[in-house]
Amino acid sequence: MNTSVEIDGFDLRLLDALQADGARTNQQLADLVRLSPSQVSRRRQRLEETGLIRRYRADLDATRLGFGVTVFIFVSLATHSGLNAKRFGDLVRAMPEVQEAHAMTGDADYLMKLVVRDLKSLSALVNEVLLPHESVARVRSSIVLETLKDDPRLPLSR
């Protein structure tokens, strides 16, 4: 299956402007991209329909909202089977604290990024949710001390 979508320089500039600020109006985008607002609107709609633009959302400040701990958790599964992987995937999708989850190569099967309010919340999550789960064999966590960069934007301009 071919998942690529043909885009040109205008599309790239439009995508870059939207990922910097998804609340920009078509007029503001038109000024940045150097197209008419109607052309921007048509291009934006096509980029949304093709799935290149997956969603729009606000970038919230986790710390100011009371989520004081960011943690990366490495998980090793108890057994390596499709059913066990599905069970673990279902667990992860049900945990609102999980911001990202990736299947990995190497020592651990999965790497997850979570935000929690405090260390007590982290302890409860690890000891009462993850470790008792039938799919999980081992959990190793690394708590973030300082975030040097937090920018989900893709490097489209390079």
Protein backbone atom coordinates (compact mmCIF):
# COMPACT_ATOMS: atom_id res chain seq x y z
CA MET A 1 0.00 0.00 0.00
CA ASN A 2 1.38 3.39 -1.00
CA THR A 3 0.93 5.83 1.87
CA SER A 4 2.74 8.76 0.29
CA VAL A 5 0.88 11.89 -0.74
CA GLU A 6 2.22 14.28 -3.34
CA ILE A 7 2.90 17.69 -1.88
CA ASP A 8 4.68 20.74 -3.20
CA GLY A 9 6.54 23.67 -1.65
CA PHE A 10 3.32 25.53 -0.89
CA ASP A 11 1.98 22.49 0.96
CA LEU A 12 5.21 22.21 2.96
CA ARG A 13 5.08 25.88 3.94
CA LEU A 14 1.41 25.50 4.84
CA LEU A 15 2.12 22.43 6.98
CA ASP A 16 5.05 24.16 8.67
CA ALA A 17 2.92 27.23 9.46
CA LEU A 18 0.09 25.08 10.82
CA GLN A 19 2.33 23.00 13.05
CA ALA A 20 3.79 26.21 14.48
CA ASP A 21 0.28 27.55 15.17
CA GLY A 22 -2.77 25.48 14.24
CA ALA A 23 -5.13 28.31 15.21
CA ARG A 24 -4.06 30.53 12.30
CA THR A 25 -6.84 31.63 10.00
CA ASN A 26 -6.78 30.94 6.27
CA GLN A 27 -6.02 34.63 5.71
CA GLN A 28 -3.03 34.51 8.07
CA LEU A 29 -1.81 31.34 6.41
CA ALA A 30 -2.30 32.86 2.95
CA ASP A 31 -0.10 35.80 3.93
CA LEU A 32 2.63 33.43 5.16
CA VAL A 33 2.45 30.95 2.28
CA ARG A 34 1.80 33.55 -0.43
CA LEU A 35 -1.40 32.04 -1.77
CA SER A 36 -4.99 33.24 -1.74
CA PRO A 37 -7.13 32.30 1.27
CA SER A 38 -9.34 30.11 -0.96
CA GLN A 39 -6.28 28.21 -2.26
CA VAL A 40 -5.07 27.76 1.31
CA SER A 41 -8.50 26.47 2.32
CA ARG A 42 -8.57 23.92 -0.51
CA ARG A 43 -5.01 22.76 0.19
CA ARG A 44 -5.68 22.53 3.93
CA GLN A 45 -8.81 20.46 3.34
CA ARG A 46 -6.89 18.09 1.01
CA LEU A 47 -4.08 17.72 3.58
CA GLU A 48 -6.67 16.89 6.24
CA GLU A 49 -8.53 14.40 4.00
CA THR A 50 -5.31 12.59 3.05
CA GLY A 51 -4.33 12.28 6.72
CA LEU A 52 -1.19 14.41 6.56
CA ILE A 53 -2.90 16.69 9.08
CA ARG A 54 -4.12 14.27 11.74
CA ARG A 55 -5.66 16.69 14.23
CA TYR A 56 -5.52 20.14 15.78
CA ARG A 57 -4.95 20.65 19.48
CA ALA A 58 -3.77 23.11 22.08
CA ASP A 59 -0.28 22.70 23.56
CA LEU A 60 -0.90 22.63 27.32
CA ASP A 61 1.65 23.28 30.06
CA ALA A 62 1.71 20.02 32.05
CA THR A 63 3.59 21.46 35.04
CA ARG A 64 1.26 24.43 35.45
CA LEU A 65 -1.69 22.04 35.27
CA GLY A 66 -0.28 19.97 38.14
CA PHE A 67 1.51 17.19 36.27
CA GLY A 68 4.88 17.58 37.94
CA VAL A 69 6.53 14.31 36.90
CA THR A 70 7.41 13.13 33.41
CA VAL A 71 8.68 9.59 33.25
CA PHE A 72 9.87 7.18 30.60
CA ILE A 73 8.92 3.58 31.34
CA PHE A 74 10.48 0.56 29.68
CA VAL A 75 8.28 -2.53 29.70
CA SER A 76 9.21 -6.14 28.97
CA LEU A 77 6.37 -8.51 28.21
CA ALA A 78 5.82 -11.75 30.10
CA THR A 79 5.46 -13.72 26.86
CA HIS A 80 5.89 -12.75 23.25
CA SER A 81 2.65 -13.55 21.49
CA GLY A 82 0.11 -11.62 19.50
CA LEU A 83 -2.48 -12.01 22.23
CA ASN A 84 -0.14 -10.72 24.93
CA ALA A 85 0.89 -7.75 22.78
CA LYS A 86 -2.80 -6.98 22.19
CA ARG A 87 -3.51 -7.14 25.93
CA PHE A 88 -0.67 -4.75 26.63
CA GLY A 89 -1.76 -2.42 23.82
CA ASP A 90 -5.29 -2.35 25.24
CA LEU A 91 -3.89 -1.50 28.69
CA VAL A 92 -1.75 1.33 27.31
CA ARG A 93 -4.61 2.86 25.30
CA ALA A 94 -6.75 2.87 28.48
CA MET A 95 -4.14 4.80 30.51
CA PRO A 96 -4.65 8.56 30.13
CA GLU A 97 -1.21 9.24 31.67
CA VAL A 98 0.51 7.69 28.63
CA GLN A 99 1.44 10.35 26.10
CA GLU A 100 3.47 8.10 23.81
CA ALA A 101 4.04 4.36 23.55
CA HIS A 102 6.39 2.63 21.14
CA ALA A 103 7.28 -0.99 20.39
CA MET A 104 11.06 -1.21 20.56
CA THR A 105 14.04 -3.32 19.67
CA GLY A 106 16.63 -4.01 22.36
CA ASP A 107 16.33 -4.86 26.04
CA ALA A 108 12.73 -3.72 26.49
CA ASP A 109 9.70 -4.45 24.33
CA TYR A 110 8.03 -1.06 24.81
CA LEU A 111 8.95 2.48 25.76
CA MET A 112 6.27 4.80 27.11
CA LYS A 113 6.29 8.48 28.01
CA LEU A 114 3.91 9.36 30.83
CA VAL A 115 2.98 12.41 32.85
CA VAL A 116 1.75 12.07 36.42
CA ARG A 117 1.05 14.54 39.20
CA ASP A 118 3.70 13.29 41.63
CA LEU A 119 5.87 10.35 42.69
CA LYS A 120 3.03 8.83 44.71
CA SER A 121 0.91 8.73 41.55
CA LEU A 122 3.79 7.15 39.65
CA SER A 123 4.25 4.50 42.33
CA ALA A 124 0.54 3.63 42.24
CA LEU A 125 0.55 3.41 38.47
CA VAL A 126 3.59 1.12 38.36
CA ASN A 127 2.66 -1.06 41.34
CA GLU A 128 -1.12 -1.22 40.96
CA VAL A 129 -1.61 -1.04 37.18
CA LEU A 130 1.46 -2.07 35.22
CA LEU A 131 3.21 -4.73 37.32
CA PRO A 132 0.04 -6.72 38.20
CA HIS A 133 -1.06 -6.84 34.56
CA GLU A 134 -0.88 -10.34 33.06
CA SER A 135 1.05 -9.18 30.00
CA VAL A 136 3.87 -7.43 31.90
CA ALA A 137 7.03 -9.15 33.17
CA ARG A 138 9.31 -6.21 34.01
CA VAL A 139 9.03 -2.43 34.34
CA ARG A 140 11.94 0.00 34.50
CA SER A 141 11.38 3.73 34.83
CA SER A 142 13.49 6.83 34.33
CA ILE A 143 12.21 10.09 35.77
CA VAL A 144 12.88 13.27 33.83
CA LEU A 145 14.91 15.77 35.85
CA GLU A 146 14.93 18.54 33.26
CA THR A 147 13.48 18.91 29.77
CA LEU A 148 15.94 20.49 27.38
CA LYS A 149 13.61 20.50 24.38
CA ASP A 150 9.93 19.72 23.95
CA ASP A 151 8.94 20.33 20.35
CA PRO A 152 6.80 17.85 18.43
CA ARG A 153 7.12 19.74 15.13
CA LEU A 154 8.59 17.93 12.13
CA PRO A 155 11.64 19.55 10.47
CA LEU A 156 9.83 20.36 7.21
CA SER A 157 11.99 23.31 6.22
CA ARG A 158 15.20 21.27 5.92
